Amino acid sequence: NDSGFINVRCTTSMHPRRFNVIGDLNTNTGNMRLYSDGKWVSANKLGI
């Protein structure tokens, strides 16, 4: 969608519905989402 965001995809994922390991990386700010306990969570909220 030309948002400027990127995802990081695991090309060897065996999961039936999930292959991203980093979601919505904003390259201007460095903010991103990581997968934790079944949902996408801000890396900042995780303290990472």
ModelCIF file with pLDDT and N, C-alpha, C, O atoms, coordinates in Angstrom:
data_MODEL
#
_entry.id   MODEL 
#
_entity.id                         1 
_entity.type                       polymer 
_entity.pdbx_number_of_molecules   1 
#
_entity_poly.entity_id                      1 
_entity_poly.type                           'polypeptide(L)' 
_entity_poly.nstd_linkage                   no 
_entity_poly.nstd_monomer                   no 
_entity_poly.pdbx_seq_one_letter_code       NDSGFINVRCTTSMHPRRFNVIGDLNTNTGNMRLYSDGKWVSANKLGI 
_entity_poly.pdbx_seq_one_letter_code_can   NDSGFINVRCTTSMHPRRFNVIGDLNTNTGNMRLYSDGKWVSANKLGI 
_entity_poly.pdbx_strand_id                 A 
#
loop_
_entity_poly_seq.entity_id 
_entity_poly_seq.num 
_entity_poly_seq.mon_id 
_entity_poly_seq.hetero 
1 1  ASN n 
1 2  ASP n 
1 3  SER n 
1 4  GLY n 
1 5  PHE n 
1 6  ILE n 
1 7  ASN n 
1 8  VAL n 
1 9  ARG n 
1 10 CYS n 
1 11 THR n 
1 12 THR n 
1 13 SER n 
1 14 MET n 
1 15 HIS n 
1 16 PRO n 
1 17 ARG n 
1 18 ARG n 
1 19 PHE n 
1 20 ASN n 
1 21 VAL n 
1 22 ILE n 
1 23 GLY n 
1 24 ASP n 
1 25 LEU n 
1 26 ASN n 
1 27 THR n 
1 28 ASN n 
1 29 THR n 
1 30 GLY n 
1 31 ASN n 
1 32 MET n 
1 33 ARG n 
1 34 LEU n 
1 35 TYR n 
1 36 SER n 
1 37 ASP n 
1 38 GLY n 
1 39 LYS n 
1 40 TRP n 
1 41 VAL n 
1 42 SER n 
1 43 ALA n 
1 44 ASN n 
1 45 LYS n 
1 46 LEU n 
1 47 GLY n 
1 48 ILE n 
#
_struct_asym.id          A 
_struct_asym.entity_id   1 
#
loop_
_ma_qa_metric.id 
_ma_qa_metric.mode 
_ma_qa_metric.name 
_ma_qa_metric.software_group_id 
_ma_qa_metric.type 
1 global pLDDT . pLDDT 
2 local  pLDDT . pLDDT 
#
_ma_qa_metric_global.metric_id      1 
_ma_qa_metric_global.metric_value   94.60 
_ma_qa_metric_global.model_id       1 
_ma_qa_metric_global.ordinal_id     1 
#
loop_
_ma_qa_metric_local.label_asym_id 
_ma_qa_metric_local.label_comp_id 
_ma_qa_metric_local.label_seq_id 
_ma_qa_metric_local.metric_id 
_ma_qa_metric_local.metric_value 
_ma_qa_metric_local.model_id 
_ma_qa_metric_local.ordinal_id 
A ASN 1  2 85.00 1 1  
A ASP 2  2 80.00 1 2  
A SER 3  2 86.00 1 3  
A GLY 4  2 85.00 1 4  
A PHE 5  2 95.00 1 5  
A ILE 6  2 96.00 1 6  
A ASN 7  2 97.00 1 7  
A VAL 8  2 98.00 1 8  
A ARG 9  2 97.00 1 9  
A CYS 10 2 97.00 1 10 
A THR 11 2 96.00 1 11 
A THR 12 2 95.00 1 12 
A SER 13 2 95.00 1 13 
A MET 14 2 93.00 1 14 
A HIS 15 2 90.00 1 15 
A PRO 16 2 90.00 1 16 
A ARG 17 2 91.00 1 17 
A ARG 18 2 94.00 1 18 
A PHE 19 2 95.00 1 19 
A ASN 20 2 97.00 1 20 
A VAL 21 2 97.00 1 21 
A ILE 22 2 97.00 1 22 
A GLY 23 2 97.00 1 23 
A ASP 24 2 96.00 1 24 
A LEU 25 2 97.00 1 25 
A ASN 26 2 96.00 1 26 
A THR 27 2 93.00 1 27 
A ASN 28 2 93.00 1 28 
A THR 29 2 94.00 1 29 
A GLY 30 2 94.00 1 30 
A ASN 31 2 96.00 1 31 
A MET 32 2 98.00 1 32 
A ARG 33 2 98.00 1 33 
A LEU 34 2 98.00 1 34 
A TYR 35 2 97.00 1 35 
A SER 36 2 96.00 1 36 
A ASP 37 2 93.00 1 37 
A GLY 38 2 92.00 1 38 
A LYS 39 2 96.00 1 39 
A TRP 40 2 97.00 1 40 
A VAL 41 2 97.00 1 41 
A SER 42 2 97.00 1 42 
A ALA 43 2 97.00 1 43 
A ASN 44 2 96.00 1 44 
A LYS 45 2 97.00 1 45 
A LEU 46 2 97.00 1 46 
A GLY 47 2 97.00 1 47 
A ILE 48 2 96.00 1 48 
#
loop_
_atom_site.group_PDB 
_atom_site.id 
_atom_site.type_symbol 
_atom_site.label_atom_id 
_atom_site.label_alt_id 
_atom_site.label_comp_id 
_atom_site.label_asym_id 
_atom_site.label_entity_id 
_atom_site.label_seq_id 
_atom_site.pdbx_PDB_ins_code 
_atom_site.Cartn_x 
_atom_site.Cartn_y 
_atom_site.Cartn_z 
_atom_site.occupancy 
_atom_site.B_iso_or_equiv 
_atom_site.pdbx_formal_charge 
_atom_site.auth_seq_id 
_atom_site.auth_comp_id 
_atom_site.auth_asym_id 
_atom_site.auth_atom_id 
_atom_site.pdbx_PDB_model_num 
ATOM 1   N N  . ASN A 1 1  ? 0.795  -1.226  0.000  1.00 85.00 ? 1  ASN A N  1 
ATOM 2   C CA . ASN A 1 1  ? 0.000  0.000   0.000  1.00 85.00 ? 1  ASN A CA 1 
ATOM 3   C C  . ASN A 1 1  ? 0.832  1.284   0.000  1.00 85.00 ? 1  ASN A C  1 
ATOM 4   O O  . ASN A 1 1  ? 0.302  2.350   0.316  1.00 85.00 ? 1  ASN A O  1 
ATOM 5   N N  . ASP A 1 2  ? 2.091  1.213   -0.337 1.00 80.00 ? 2  ASP A N  1 
ATOM 6   C CA . ASP A 1 2  ? 2.968  2.394   -0.381 1.00 80.00 ? 2  ASP A CA 1 
ATOM 7   C C  . ASP A 1 2  ? 3.044  3.150   0.940  1.00 80.00 ? 2  ASP A C  1 
ATOM 8   O O  . ASP A 1 2  ? 3.234  4.366   0.941  1.00 80.00 ? 2  ASP A O  1 
ATOM 9   N N  . SER A 1 3  ? 2.900  2.455   2.055  1.00 86.00 ? 3  SER A N  1 
ATOM 10  C CA . SER A 1 3  ? 2.969  3.091   3.375  1.00 86.00 ? 3  SER A CA 1 
ATOM 11  C C  . SER A 1 3  ? 4.410  3.360   3.788  1.00 86.00 ? 3  SER A C  1 
ATOM 12  O O  . SER A 1 3  ? 4.656  4.145   4.704  1.00 86.00 ? 3  SER A O  1 
ATOM 13  N N  . GLY A 1 4  ? 5.366  2.715   3.120  1.00 85.00 ? 4  GLY A N  1 
ATOM 14  C CA . GLY A 1 4  ? 6.761  2.831   3.518  1.00 85.00 ? 4  GLY A CA 1 
ATOM 15  C C  . GLY A 1 4  ? 7.146  1.805   4.566  1.00 85.00 ? 4  GLY A C  1 
ATOM 16  O O  . GLY A 1 4  ? 8.318  1.695   4.925  1.00 85.00 ? 4  GLY A O  1 
ATOM 17  N N  . PHE A 1 5  ? 6.176  1.052   5.060  1.00 95.00 ? 5  PHE A N  1 
ATOM 18  C CA . PHE A 1 5  ? 6.448  0.016   6.047  1.00 95.00 ? 5  PHE A CA 1 
ATOM 19  C C  . PHE A 1 5  ? 6.951  -1.235  5.336  1.00 95.00 ? 5  PHE A C  1 
ATOM 20  O O  . PHE A 1 5  ? 6.680  -1.453  4.155  1.00 95.00 ? 5  PHE A O  1 
ATOM 21  N N  . ILE A 1 6  ? 7.693  -2.055  6.088  1.00 96.00 ? 6  ILE A N  1 
ATOM 22  C CA . ILE A 1 6  ? 8.141  -3.339  5.553  1.00 96.00 ? 6  ILE A CA 1 
ATOM 23  C C  . ILE A 1 6  ? 7.839  -4.440  6.562  1.00 96.00 ? 6  ILE A C  1 
ATOM 24  O O  . ILE A 1 6  ? 7.661  -4.182  7.752  1.00 96.00 ? 6  ILE A O  1 
ATOM 25  N N  . ASN A 1 7  ? 7.787  -5.658  6.068  1.00 97.00 ? 7  ASN A N  1 
ATOM 26  C CA . ASN A 1 7  ? 7.690  -6.852  6.895  1.00 97.00 ? 7  ASN A CA 1 
ATOM 27  C C  . ASN A 1 7  ? 8.943  -7.668  6.664  1.00 97.00 ? 7  ASN A C  1 
ATOM 28  O O  . ASN A 1 7  ? 9.595  -7.539  5.628  1.00 97.00 ? 7  ASN A O  1 
ATOM 29  N N  . VAL A 1 8  ? 9.277  -8.504  7.625  1.00 98.00 ? 8  VAL A N  1 
ATOM 30  C CA . VAL A 1 8  ? 10.377 -9.448  7.451  1.00 98.00 ? 8  VAL A CA 1 
ATOM 31  C C  . VAL A 1 8  ? 9.755  -10.835 7.479  1.00 98.00 ? 8  VAL A C  1 
ATOM 32  O O  . VAL A 1 8  ? 9.126  -11.233 8.459  1.00 98.00 ? 8  VAL A O  1 
ATOM 33  N N  . ARG A 1 9  ? 9.943  -11.559 6.388  1.00 97.00 ? 9  ARG A N  1 
ATOM 34  C CA . ARG A 1 9  ? 9.288  -12.839 6.171  1.00 97.00 ? 9  ARG A CA 1 
ATOM 35  C C  . ARG A 1 9  ? 10.277 -13.988 6.318  1.00 97.00 ? 9  ARG A C  1 
ATOM 36  O O  . ARG A 1 9  ? 11.412 -13.918 5.848  1.00 97.00 ? 9  ARG A O  1 
ATOM 37  N N  . CYS A 1 10 ? 9.821  -15.042 6.979  1.00 97.00 ? 10 CYS A N  1 
ATOM 38  C CA . CYS A 1 10 ? 10.589 -16.282 7.090  1.00 97.00 ? 10 CYS A CA 1 
ATOM 39  C C  . CYS A 1 10 ? 10.214 -17.162 5.900  1.00 97.00 ? 10 CYS A C  1 
ATOM 40  O O  . CYS A 1 10 ? 9.080  -17.629 5.803  1.00 97.00 ? 10 CYS A O  1 
ATOM 41  N N  . THR A 1 11 ? 11.154 -17.384 5.010  1.00 96.00 ? 11 THR A N  1 
ATOM 42  C CA . THR A 1 11 ? 10.875 -18.118 3.774  1.00 96.00 ? 11 THR A CA 1 
ATOM 43  C C  . THR A 1 11 ? 10.746 -19.620 3.988  1.00 96.00 ? 11 THR A C  1 
ATOM 44  O O  . THR A 1 11 ? 10.296 -20.335 3.093  1.00 96.00 ? 11 THR A O  1 
ATOM 45  N N  . THR A 1 12 ? 11.133 -20.104 5.158  1.00 95.00 ? 12 THR A N  1 
ATOM 46  C CA . THR A 1 12 ? 11.065 -21.537 5.436  1.00 95.00 ? 12 THR A CA 1 
ATOM 47  C C  . THR A 1 12 ? 9.965  -21.878 6.445  1.00 95.00 ? 12 THR A C  1 
ATOM 48  O O  . THR A 1 12 ? 9.965  -22.969 7.016  1.00 95.00 ? 12 THR A O  1 
ATOM 49  N N  . SER A 1 13 ? 9.032  -20.951 6.665  1.00 95.00 ? 13 SER A N  1 
ATOM 50  C CA . SER A 1 13 ? 7.968  -21.161 7.639  1.00 95.00 ? 13 SER A CA 1 
ATOM 51  C C  . SER A 1 13 ? 7.127  -22.377 7.286  1.00 95.00 ? 13 SER A C  1 
ATOM 52  O O  . SER A 1 13 ? 6.726  -22.553 6.136  1.00 95.00 ? 13 SER A O  1 
ATOM 53  N N  . MET A 1 14 ? 6.863  -23.208 8.274  1.00 93.00 ? 14 MET A N  1 
ATOM 54  C CA . MET A 1 14 ? 5.995  -24.369 8.106  1.00 93.00 ? 14 MET A CA 1 
ATOM 55  C C  . MET A 1 14 ? 4.609  -24.087 8.680  1.00 93.00 ? 14 MET A C  1 
ATOM 56  O O  . MET A 1 14 ? 3.729  -24.946 8.628  1.00 93.00 ? 14 MET A O  1 
ATOM 57  N N  . HIS A 1 15 ? 4.414  -22.905 9.219  1.00 90.00 ? 15 HIS A N  1 
ATOM 58  C CA . HIS A 1 15 ? 3.140  -22.523 9.828  1.00 90.00 ? 15 HIS A CA 1 
ATOM 59  C C  . HIS A 1 15 ? 2.101  -22.327 8.723  1.00 90.00 ? 15 HIS A C  1 
ATOM 60  O O  . HIS A 1 15 ? 2.417  -21.741 7.687  1.00 90.00 ? 15 HIS A O  1 
ATOM 61  N N  . PRO A 1 16 ? 0.872  -22.801 8.919  1.00 90.00 ? 16 PRO A N  1 
ATOM 62  C CA . PRO A 1 16 ? -0.119 -22.716 7.842  1.00 90.00 ? 16 PRO A CA 1 
ATOM 63  C C  . PRO A 1 16 ? -0.581 -21.292 7.510  1.00 90.00 ? 16 PRO A C  1 
ATOM 64  O O  . PRO A 1 16 ? -1.035 -21.043 6.393  1.00 90.00 ? 16 PRO A O  1 
ATOM 65  N N  . ARG A 1 17 ? -0.474 -20.356 8.462  1.00 91.00 ? 17 ARG A N  1 
ATOM 66  C CA . ARG A 1 17 ? -1.007 -19.012 8.200  1.00 91.00 ? 17 ARG A CA 1 
ATOM 67  C C  . ARG A 1 17 ? -0.052 -17.871 8.518  1.00 91.00 ? 17 ARG A C  1 
ATOM 68  O O  . ARG A 1 17 ? -0.364 -16.720 8.213  1.00 91.00 ? 17 ARG A O  1 
ATOM 69  N N  . ARG A 1 18 ? 1.089  -18.145 9.114  1.00 94.00 ? 18 ARG A N  1 
ATOM 70  C CA . ARG A 1 18 ? 1.974  -17.051 9.512  1.00 94.00 ? 18 ARG A CA 1 
ATOM 71  C C  . ARG A 1 18 ? 3.377  -17.290 8.999  1.00 94.00 ? 18 ARG A C  1 
ATOM 72  O O  . ARG A 1 18 ? 3.920  -18.387 9.128  1.00 94.00 ? 18 ARG A O  1 
ATOM 73  N N  . PHE A 1 19 ? 3.960  -16.257 8.415  1.00 95.00 ? 19 PHE A N  1 
ATOM 74  C CA . PHE A 1 19 ? 5.331  -16.362 7.914  1.00 95.00 ? 19 PHE A CA 1 
ATOM 75  C C  . PHE A 1 19 ? 6.157  -15.131 8.255  1.00 95.00 ? 19 PHE A C  1 
ATOM 76  O O  . PHE A 1 19 ? 7.381  -15.175 8.126  1.00 95.00 ? 19 PHE A O  1 
ATOM 77  N N  . ASN A 1 20 ? 5.535  -14.027 8.687  1.00 97.00 ? 20 ASN A N  1 
ATOM 78  C CA . ASN A 1 20 ? 6.295  -12.835 9.058  1.00 97.00 ? 20 ASN A CA 1 
ATOM 79  C C  . ASN A 1 20 ? 6.857  -12.971 10.472 1.00 97.00 ? 20 ASN A C  1 
ATOM 80  O O  . ASN A 1 20 ? 6.190  -13.490 11.367 1.00 97.00 ? 20 ASN A O  1 
ATOM 81  N N  . VAL A 1 21 ? 8.092  -12.498 10.664 1.00 97.00 ? 21 VAL A N  1 
ATOM 82  C CA . VAL A 1 21 ? 8.692  -12.481 11.993 1.00 97.00 ? 21 VAL A CA 1 
ATOM 83  C C  . VAL A 1 21 ? 8.803  -11.049 12.521 1.00 97.00 ? 21 VAL A C  1 
ATOM 84  O O  . VAL A 1 21 ? 8.919  -10.840 13.728 1.00 97.00 ? 21 VAL A O  1 
ATOM 85  N N  . ILE A 1 22 ? 8.769  -10.074 11.629 1.00 97.00 ? 22 ILE A N  1 
ATOM 86  C CA . ILE A 1 22 ? 8.666  -8.660  11.991 1.00 97.00 ? 22 ILE A CA 1 
ATOM 87  C C  . ILE A 1 22 ? 7.571  -8.071  11.118 1.00 97.00 ? 22 ILE A C  1 
ATOM 88  O O  . ILE A 1 22 ? 7.560  -8.259  9.901  1.00 97.00 ? 22 ILE A O  1 
ATOM 89  N N  . GLY A 1 23 ? 6.652  -7.357  11.751 1.00 97.00 ? 23 GLY A N  1 
ATOM 90  C CA . GLY A 1 23 ? 5.569  -6.733  11.004 1.00 97.00 ? 23 GLY A CA 1 
ATOM 91  C C  . GLY A 1 23 ? 5.610  -5.225  11.134 1.00 97.00 ? 23 GLY A C  1 
ATOM 92  O O  . GLY A 1 23 ? 6.019  -4.689  12.164 1.00 97.00 ? 23 GLY A O  1 
ATOM 93  N N  . ASP A 1 24 ? 5.190  -4.553  10.095 1.00 96.00 ? 24 ASP A N  1 
ATOM 94  C CA . ASP A 1 24 ? 5.001  -3.095  10.108 1.00 96.00 ? 24 ASP A CA 1 
ATOM 95  C C  . ASP A 1 24 ? 6.221  -2.323  10.587 1.00 96.00 ? 24 ASP A C  1 
ATOM 96  O O  . ASP A 1 24 ? 6.092  -1.411  11.404 1.00 96.00 ? 24 ASP A O  1 
ATOM 97  N N  . LEU A 1 25 ? 7.394  -2.671  10.095 1.00 97.00 ? 25 LEU A N  1 
ATOM 98  C CA . LEU A 1 25 ? 8.600  -1.918  10.447 1.00 97.00 ? 25 LEU A CA 1 
ATOM 99  C C  . LEU A 1 25 ? 8.547  -0.565  9.749  1.00 97.00 ? 25 LEU A C  1 
ATOM 100 O O  . LEU A 1 25 ? 8.556  -0.488  8.521  1.00 97.00 ? 25 LEU A O  1 
ATOM 101 N N  . ASN A 1 26 ? 8.492  0.494   10.538 1.00 96.00 ? 26 ASN A N  1 
ATOM 102 C CA . ASN A 1 26 ? 8.519  1.857   10.014 1.00 96.00 ? 26 ASN A CA 1 
ATOM 103 C C  . ASN A 1 26 ? 9.988  2.242   9.905  1.00 96.00 ? 26 ASN A C  1 
ATOM 104 O O  . ASN A 1 26 ? 10.656 2.427   10.922 1.00 96.00 ? 26 ASN A O  1 
ATOM 105 N N  . THR A 1 27 ? 10.491 2.364   8.697  1.00 93.00 ? 27 THR A N  1 
ATOM 106 C CA . THR A 1 27 ? 11.919 2.606   8.501  1.00 93.00 ? 27 THR A CA 1 
ATOM 107 C C  . THR A 1 27 ? 12.339 4.024   8.869  1.00 93.00 ? 27 THR A C  1 
ATOM 108 O O  . THR A 1 27 ? 13.532 4.314   8.967  1.00 93.00 ? 27 THR A O  1 
ATOM 109 N N  . ASN A 1 28 ? 11.366 4.907   9.074  1.00 93.00 ? 28 ASN A N  1 
ATOM 110 C CA . ASN A 1 28 ? 11.705 6.272   9.506  1.00 93.00 ? 28 ASN A CA 1 
ATOM 111 C C  . ASN A 1 28 ? 11.894 6.369   11.016 1.00 93.00 ? 28 ASN A C  1 
ATOM 112 O O  . ASN A 1 28 ? 12.700 7.167   11.495 1.00 93.00 ? 28 ASN A O  1 
ATOM 113 N N  . THR A 1 29 ? 11.152 5.555   11.764 1.00 94.00 ? 29 THR A N  1 
ATOM 114 C CA . THR A 1 29 ? 11.210 5.631   13.230 1.00 94.00 ? 29 THR A CA 1 
ATOM 115 C C  . THR A 1 29 ? 11.842 4.403   13.872 1.00 94.00 ? 29 THR A C  1 
ATOM 116 O O  . THR A 1 29 ? 12.324 4.481   15.003 1.00 94.00 ? 29 THR A O  1 
ATOM 117 N N  . GLY A 1 30 ? 11.849 3.268   13.170 1.00 94.00 ? 30 GLY A N  1 
ATOM 118 C CA . GLY A 1 30 ? 12.358 2.024   13.745 1.00 94.00 ? 30 GLY A CA 1 
ATOM 119 C C  . GLY A 1 30 ? 11.315 1.273   14.542 1.00 94.00 ? 30 GLY A C  1 
ATOM 120 O O  . GLY A 1 30 ? 11.616 0.210   15.085 1.00 94.00 ? 30 GLY A O  1 
ATOM 121 N N  . ASN A 1 31 ? 10.088 1.792   14.634 1.00 96.00 ? 31 ASN A N  1 
ATOM 122 C CA . ASN A 1 31 ? 9.019  1.085   15.347 1.00 96.00 ? 31 ASN A CA 1 
ATOM 123 C C  . ASN A 1 31 ? 8.580  -0.125  14.549 1.00 96.00 ? 31 ASN A C  1 
ATOM 124 O O  . ASN A 1 31 ? 8.574  -0.092  13.318 1.00 96.00 ? 31 ASN A O  1 
ATOM 125 N N  . MET A 1 32 ? 8.209  -1.199  15.246 1.00 98.00 ? 32 MET A N  1 
ATOM 126 C CA . MET A 1 32 ? 7.813  -2.445  14.583 1.00 98.00 ? 32 MET A CA 1 
ATOM 127 C C  . MET A 1 32 ? 6.954  -3.276  15.509 1.00 98.00 ? 32 MET A C  1 
ATOM 128 O O  . MET A 1 32 ? 6.816  -2.977  16.696 1.00 98.00 ? 32 MET A O  1 
ATOM 129 N N  . ARG A 1 33 ? 6.384  -4.313  14.952 1.00 98.00 ? 33 ARG A N  1 
ATOM 130 C CA . ARG A 1 33 ? 5.597  -5.272  15.738 1.00 98.00 ? 33 ARG A CA 1 
ATOM 131 C C  . ARG A 1 33 ? 6.295  -6.634  15.669 1.00 98.00 ? 33 ARG A C  1 
ATOM 132 O O  . ARG A 1 33 ? 6.848  -7.029  14.642 1.00 98.00 ? 33 ARG A O  1 
ATOM 133 N N  . LEU A 1 34 ? 6.244  -7.328  16.800 1.00 98.00 ? 34 LEU A N  1 
ATOM 134 C CA . LEU A 1 34 ? 6.774  -8.687  16.897 1.00 98.00 ? 34 LEU A CA 1 
ATOM 135 C C  . LEU A 1 34 ? 5.645  -9.598  17.353 1.00 98.00 ? 34 LEU A C  1 
ATOM 136 O O  . LEU A 1 34 ? 4.715  -9.142  18.019 1.00 98.00 ? 34 LEU A O  1 
ATOM 137 N N  . TYR A 1 35 ? 5.713  -10.866 17.008 1.00 97.00 ? 35 TYR A N  1 
ATOM 138 C CA . TYR A 1 35 ? 4.657  -11.813 17.354 1.00 97.00 ? 35 TYR A CA 1 
ATOM 139 C C  . TYR A 1 35 ? 4.901  -12.368 18.747 1.00 97.00 ? 35 TYR A C  1 
ATOM 140 O O  . TYR A 1 35 ? 5.973  -12.896 19.043 1.00 97.00 ? 35 TYR A O  1 
ATOM 141 N N  . SER A 1 36 ? 3.883  -12.239 19.600 1.00 96.00 ? 36 SER A N  1 
ATOM 142 C CA . SER A 1 36 ? 4.021  -12.698 20.986 1.00 96.00 ? 36 SER A CA 1 
ATOM 143 C C  . SER A 1 36 ? 2.684  -13.224 21.487 1.00 96.00 ? 36 SER A C  1 
ATOM 144 O O  . SER A 1 36 ? 1.676  -12.521 21.415 1.00 96.00 ? 36 SER A O  1 
ATOM 145 N N  . ASP A 1 37 ? 2.666  -14.429 21.986 1.00 93.00 ? 37 ASP A N  1 
ATOM 146 C CA . ASP A 1 37 ? 1.466  -15.036 22.574 1.00 93.00 ? 37 ASP A CA 1 
ATOM 147 C C  . ASP A 1 37 ? 0.244  -14.940 21.669 1.00 93.00 ? 37 ASP A C  1 
ATOM 148 O O  . ASP A 1 37 ? -0.846 -14.597 22.124 1.00 93.00 ? 37 ASP A O  1 
ATOM 149 N N  . GLY A 1 38 ? 0.427  -15.242 20.401 1.00 92.00 ? 38 GLY A N  1 
ATOM 150 C CA . GLY A 1 38 ? -0.691 -15.311 19.484 1.00 92.00 ? 38 GLY A CA 1 
ATOM 151 C C  . GLY A 1 38 ? -1.147 -14.004 18.875 1.00 92.00 ? 38 GLY A C  1 
ATOM 152 O O  . GLY A 1 38 ? -2.189 -13.968 18.222 1.00 92.00 ? 38 GLY A O  1 
ATOM 153 N N  . LYS A 1 39 ? -0.393 -12.919 19.070 1.00 96.00 ? 39 LYS A N  1 
ATOM 154 C CA . LYS A 1 39 ? -0.807 -11.644 18.475 1.00 96.00 ? 39 LYS A CA 1 
ATOM 155 C C  . LYS A 1 39 ? 0.412  -10.772 18.197 1.00 96.00 ? 39 LYS A C  1 
ATOM 156 O O  . LYS A 1 39 ? 1.491  -11.003 18.742 1.00 96.00 ? 39 LYS A O  1 
ATOM 157 N N  . TRP A 1 40 ? 0.228  -9.771  17.346 1.00 97.00 ? 40 TRP A N  1 
ATOM 158 C CA . TRP A 1 40 ? 1.285  -8.818  17.018 1.00 97.00 ? 40 TRP A CA 1 
ATOM 159 C C  . TRP A 1 40 ? 1.297  -7.718  18.068 1.00 97.00 ? 40 TRP A C  1 
ATOM 160 O O  . TRP A 1 40 ? 0.263  -7.122  18.372 1.00 97.00 ? 40 TRP A O  1 
ATOM 161 N N  . VAL A 1 41 ? 2.492  -7.454  18.625 1.00 97.00 ? 41 VAL A N  1 
ATOM 162 C CA . VAL A 1 41 ? 2.656  -6.492  19.713 1.00 97.00 ? 41 VAL A CA 1 
ATOM 163 C C  . VAL A 1 41 ? 3.827  -5.570  19.377 1.00 97.00 ? 41 VAL A C  1 
ATOM 164 O O  . VAL A 1 41 ? 4.820  -6.002  18.791 1.00 97.00 ? 41 VAL A O  1 
ATOM 165 N N  . SER A 1 42 ? 3.704  -4.315  19.748 1.00 97.00 ? 42 SER A N  1 
ATOM 166 C CA . SER A 1 42 ? 4.793  -3.367  19.544 1.00 97.00 ? 42 SER A CA 1 
ATOM 167 C C  . SER A 1 42 ? 6.043  -3.851  20.275 1.00 97.00 ? 42 SER A C  1 
ATOM 168 O O  . SER A 1 42 ? 5.972  -4.304  21.417 1.00 97.00 ? 42 SER A O  1 
ATOM 169 N N  . ALA A 1 43 ? 7.181  -3.749  19.605 1.00 97.00 ? 43 ALA A N  1 
ATOM 170 C CA . ALA A 1 43 ? 8.444  -4.144  20.231 1.00 97.00 ? 43 ALA A CA 1 
ATOM 171 C C  . ALA A 1 43 ? 8.697  -3.302  21.478 1.00 97.00 ? 43 ALA A C  1 
ATOM 172 O O  . ALA A 1 43 ? 9.270  -3.793  22.451 1.00 97.00 ? 43 ALA A O  1 
ATOM 173 N N  . ASN A 1 44 ? 8.276  -2.040  21.459 1.00 96.00 ? 44 ASN A N  1 
ATOM 174 C CA . ASN A 1 44 ? 8.442  -1.176  22.636 1.00 96.00 ? 44 ASN A CA 1 
ATOM 175 C C  . ASN A 1 44 ? 7.642  -1.691  23.813 1.00 96.00 ? 44 ASN A C  1 
ATOM 176 O O  . ASN A 1 44 ? 8.136  -1.676  24.940 1.00 96.00 ? 44 ASN A O  1 
ATOM 177 N N  . LYS A 1 45 ? 6.405  -2.152  23.582 1.00 97.00 ? 45 LYS A N  1 
ATOM 178 C CA . LYS A 1 45 ? 5.584  -2.701  24.669 1.00 97.00 ? 45 LYS A CA 1 
ATOM 179 C C  . LYS A 1 45 ? 6.217  -3.958  25.251 1.00 97.00 ? 45 LYS A C  1 
ATOM 180 O O  . LYS A 1 45 ? 6.073  -4.244  26.440 1.00 97.00 ? 45 LYS A O  1 
ATOM 181 N N  . LEU A 1 46 ? 6.914  -4.702  24.409 1.00 97.00 ? 46 LEU A N  1 
ATOM 182 C CA . LEU A 1 46 ? 7.608  -5.905  24.883 1.00 97.00 ? 46 LEU A CA 1 
ATOM 183 C C  . LEU A 1 46 ? 8.922  -5.565  25.576 1.00 97.00 ? 46 LEU A C  1 
ATOM 184 O O  . LEU A 1 46 ? 9.557  -6.437  26.167 1.00 97.00 ? 46 LEU A O  1 
ATOM 185 N N  . GLY A 1 47 ? 9.331  -4.298  25.505 1.00 97.00 ? 47 GLY A N  1 
ATOM 186 C CA . GLY A 1 47 ? 10.582 -3.868  26.125 1.00 97.00 ? 47 GLY A CA 1 
ATOM 187 C C  . GLY A 1 47 ? 11.808 -4.238  25.294 1.00 97.00 ? 47 GLY A C  1 
ATOM 188 O O  . GLY A 1 47 ? 12.922 -4.286  25.815 1.00 97.00 ? 47 GLY A O  1 
ATOM 189 N N  . ILE A 1 48 ? 11.605 -4.495  24.020 1.00 96.00 ? 48 ILE A N  1 
ATOM 190 C CA . ILE A 1 48 ? 12.695 -4.904  23.144 1.00 96.00 ? 48 ILE A CA 1 
ATOM 191 C C  . ILE A 1 48 ? 13.089 -3.703  22.298 1.00 96.00 ? 48 ILE A C  1 
ATOM 192 O O  . ILE A 1 48 ? 13.997 -3.800  21.472 1.00 96.00 ? 48 ILE A O  1 
#
